[in-house]
C-alpha atoms as a PDB file:
ATOM      1  CA  UNK A   1     209.589 -49.516 -21.427  1.00  0.00           C
ATOM      2  CA  UNK A   2     211.735 -46.416 -21.871  1.00  0.00           C
ATOM      3  CA  UNK A   3     208.718 -44.149 -21.464  1.00  0.00           C
ATOM      4  CA  UNK A   4     207.752 -45.783 -18.178  1.00  0.00           C
ATOM      5  CA  UNK A   5     211.285 -45.485 -16.803  1.00  0.00           C
ATOM      6  CA  UNK A   6     211.512 -41.811 -17.859  1.00  0.00           C
ATOM      7  CA  UNK A   7     208.115 -41.082 -16.282  1.00  0.00           C
ATOM      8  CA  UNK A   8     209.168 -42.882 -13.070  1.00  0.00           C
ATOM      9  CA  UNK A   9     212.434 -40.945 -13.032  1.00  0.00           C
ATOM     10  CA  UNK A  10     210.654 -37.595 -13.506  1.00  0.00           C
ATOM     11  CA  UNK A  11     208.042 -38.494 -10.894  1.00  0.00           C
ATOM     12  CA  UNK A  12     210.712 -39.520  -8.381  1.00  0.00           C
ATOM     13  CA  UNK A  13     212.642 -36.296  -9.064  1.00  0.00           C
ATOM     14  CA  UNK A  14     209.480 -34.222  -8.479  1.00  0.00           C
ATOM     15  CA  UNK A  15     208.734 -36.070  -5.222  1.00  0.00           C
ATOM     16  CA  UNK A  16     212.345 -35.744  -4.066  1.00  0.00           C
ATOM     17  CA  UNK A  17     212.300 -32.023  -4.889  1.00  0.00           C
ATOM     18  CA  UNK A  18     209.058 -31.544  -2.926  1.00  0.00           C
ATOM     19  CA  UNK A  19     210.506 -33.420   0.061  1.00  0.00           C
ATOM     20  CA  UNK A  20     213.715 -31.351   0.018  1.00  0.00           C
ATOM     21  CA  UNK A  21     211.737 -28.118  -0.338  1.00  0.00           C
ATOM     22  CA  UNK A  22     209.544 -28.982   2.657  1.00  0.00           C
ATOM     23  CA  UNK A  23     212.584 -29.950   4.721  1.00  0.00           C
ATOM     24  CA  UNK A  24     214.390 -26.699   3.968  1.00  0.00           C
ATOM     25  CA  UNK A  25     211.215 -24.721   4.716  1.00  0.00           C
ATOM     26  CA  UNK A  26     210.956 -26.415   8.117  1.00  0.00           C
ATOM     27  CA  UNK A  27     214.640 -25.721   8.831  1.00  0.00           C
ATOM     28  CA  UNK A  28     214.211 -22.069   7.776  1.00  0.00           C
ATOM     29  CA  UNK A  29     211.276 -21.717  10.173  1.00  0.00           C
ATOM     30  CA  UNK A  30     213.342 -23.167  13.032  1.00  0.00           C
ATOM     31  CA  UNK A  31     216.217 -20.799  12.222  1.00  0.00           C
ATOM     32  CA  UNK A  32     213.822 -17.841  12.182  1.00  0.00           C
ATOM     33  CA  UNK A  33     212.330 -18.773  15.561  1.00  0.00           C
ATOM     34  CA  UNK A  34     215.782 -19.261  17.060  1.00  0.00           C
ATOM     35  CA  UNK A  35     216.935 -15.869  15.768  1.00  0.00           C
ATOM     36  CA  UNK A  36     213.813 -14.220  17.204  1.00  0.00           C
ATOM     37  CA  UNK A  37     214.448 -15.835  20.591  1.00  0.00           C
ATOM     38  CA  UNK A  38     218.071 -14.715  20.504  1.00  0.00           C
ATOM     39  CA  UNK A  39     217.001 -11.169  19.611  1.00  0.00           C
ATOM     40  CA  UNK A  40     214.678 -11.072  22.635  1.00  0.00           C
ATOM     41  CA  UNK A  41     217.405 -12.414  24.909  1.00  0.00           C
ATOM     42  CA  UNK A  42     219.866  -9.837  23.572  1.00  0.00           C
ATOM     43  CA  UNK A  43     217.451  -7.005  24.402  1.00  0.00           C
ATOM     44  CA  UNK A  44     216.946  -8.361  27.912  1.00  0.00           C
ATOM     45  CA  UNK A  45     220.707  -8.831  28.338  1.00  0.00           C
ATOM     46  CA  UNK A  46     221.421  -5.272  27.208  1.00  0.00           C
ATOM     47  CA  UNK A  47     218.839  -3.867  29.640  1.00  0.00           C
ATOM     48  CA  UNK A  48     220.184  -5.878  32.559  1.00  0.00           C
ATOM     49  CA  UNK A  49     223.784  -5.036  31.680  1.00  0.00           C
ATOM     50  CA  UNK A  50     222.973  -1.326  31.452  1.00  0.00           C
ATOM     51  CA  UNK A  51     221.168  -1.435  34.776  1.00  0.00           C
ATOM     52  CA  UNK A  52     224.049  -3.320  36.409  1.00  0.00           C
ATOM     53  CA  UNK A  53     226.709  -1.026  34.990  1.00  0.00           C
ATOM     54  CA  UNK A  54     224.760   2.086  35.901  1.00  0.00           C
ATOM     55  CA  UNK A  55     223.783   1.103  39.426  1.00  0.00           C
ATOM     56  CA  UNK A  56     226.804  -0.913  40.497  1.00  0.00           C
ATOM     57  CA  UNK A  57     229.345   1.878  40.508  1.00  0.00           C
ATOM     58  CA  UNK A  58     229.961   3.356  43.949  1.00  0.00           C
ATOM     59  CA  UNK A  59     230.114   6.855  42.532  1.00  0.00           C
ATOM     60  CA  UNK A  60     226.634   6.558  41.044  1.00  0.00           C
ATOM     61  CA  UNK A  61     225.196   5.180  44.266  1.00  0.00           C
ATOM     62  CA  UNK A  62     226.696   8.037  46.247  1.00  0.00           C
ATOM     63  CA  UNK A  63     225.367  10.485  43.674  1.00  0.00           C
ATOM     64  CA  UNK A  64     221.870   8.996  44.000  1.00  0.00           C
ATOM     65  CA  UNK A  65     222.119   9.236  47.768  1.00  0.00           C
ATOM     66  CA  UNK A  66     222.883  12.943  47.527  1.00  0.00           C
ATOM     67  CA  UNK A  67     220.222  13.552  44.870  1.00  0.00           C
ATOM     68  CA  UNK A  68     217.300  11.652  46.378  1.00  0.00           C
ATOM     69  CA  UNK A  69     217.906  10.938  50.041  1.00  0.00           C
ATOM     70  CA  UNK A  70     219.918  13.915  51.309  1.00  0.00           C
ATOM     71  CA  UNK A  71     220.781  12.945  54.896  1.00  0.00           C
ATOM     72  CA  UNK A  72     218.151  10.255  55.327  1.00  0.00           C
ATOM     73  CA  UNK A  73     220.546   7.354  54.784  1.00  0.00           C
ATOM     74  CA  UNK A  74     222.723   6.250  57.661  1.00  0.00           C
ATOM     75  CA  UNK A  75     225.486   3.672  57.552  1.00  0.00           C
ATOM     76  CA  UNK A  76     224.866   0.585  59.658  1.00  0.00           C
ATOM     77  CA  UNK A  77     227.270  -2.074  60.780  1.00  0.00           C
ATOM     78  CA  UNK A  78     226.281  -5.370  59.217  1.00  0.00           C
ATOM     79  CA  UNK A  79     226.865  -7.146  62.521  1.00  0.00           C
ATOM     80  CA  UNK A  80     224.000  -5.159  64.036  1.00  0.00           C
ATOM     81  CA  UNK A  81     221.434  -6.428  61.509  1.00  0.00           C
ATOM     82  CA  UNK A  82     219.072  -9.055  62.883  1.00  0.00           C
ATOM     83  CA  UNK A  83     216.374 -11.209  61.290  1.00  0.00           C
ATOM     84  CA  UNK A  84     212.989 -11.311  62.978  1.00  0.00           C
ATOM     85  CA  UNK A  85     210.793 -14.298  62.175  1.00  0.00           C
ATOM     86  CA  UNK A  86     207.535 -15.554  63.570  1.00  0.00           C
ATOM     87  CA  UNK A  87     206.815 -19.208  64.229  1.00  0.00           C
ATOM     88  CA  UNK A  88     203.879 -20.488  66.234  1.00  0.00           C
ATOM     89  CA  UNK A  89     202.999 -16.999  67.457  1.00  0.00           C
ATOM     90  CA  UNK A  90     206.516 -16.524  68.876  1.00  0.00           C
ATOM     91  CA  UNK A  91     208.956 -13.953  67.592  1.00  0.00           C
ATOM     92  CA  UNK A  92     212.486 -15.184  67.046  1.00  0.00           C
ATOM     93  CA  UNK A  93     215.493 -12.908  66.533  1.00  0.00           C
ATOM     94  CA  UNK A  94     218.449 -14.365  64.637  1.00  0.00           C
ATOM     95  CA  UNK A  95     221.782 -12.951  63.530  1.00  0.00           C
ATOM     96  CA  UNK A  96     221.925 -11.979  59.842  1.00  0.00           C
ATOM     97  CA  UNK A  97     224.419 -14.082  57.866  1.00  0.00           C
ATOM     98  CA  UNK A  98     225.892 -13.051  54.547  1.00  0.00           C
ATOM     99  CA  UNK A  99     227.074 -16.512  53.542  1.00  0.00           C
ATOM    100  CA  UNK A 100     226.707 -20.016  54.849  1.00  0.00           C
ATOM    101  CA  UNK A 101     228.322 -19.174  58.165  1.00  0.00           C
ATOM    102  CA  UNK A 102     227.865 -21.691  60.924  1.00  0.00           C
END
């Protein structure tokens, strides 16, 4: 009787060990995939942040204007901008709105 109980105990320990090992392997795979996704998002975030920081400063935009456009760019009043749309072969001109103006 002792031999059977020892064998059952050893067998249950082996099965429990295999189950725990498979569970930890699955968790490790999920952690790896999550870290890989985060790494990709970090690269995208860094690129977007660099682009935003580089292009959003007024000094840089003015510098680009001088470098690439010379005198081709002209300031326009935003109130003079219109939207042209076509519906049923008719052209419609609407005032451009920045926000939800009514």
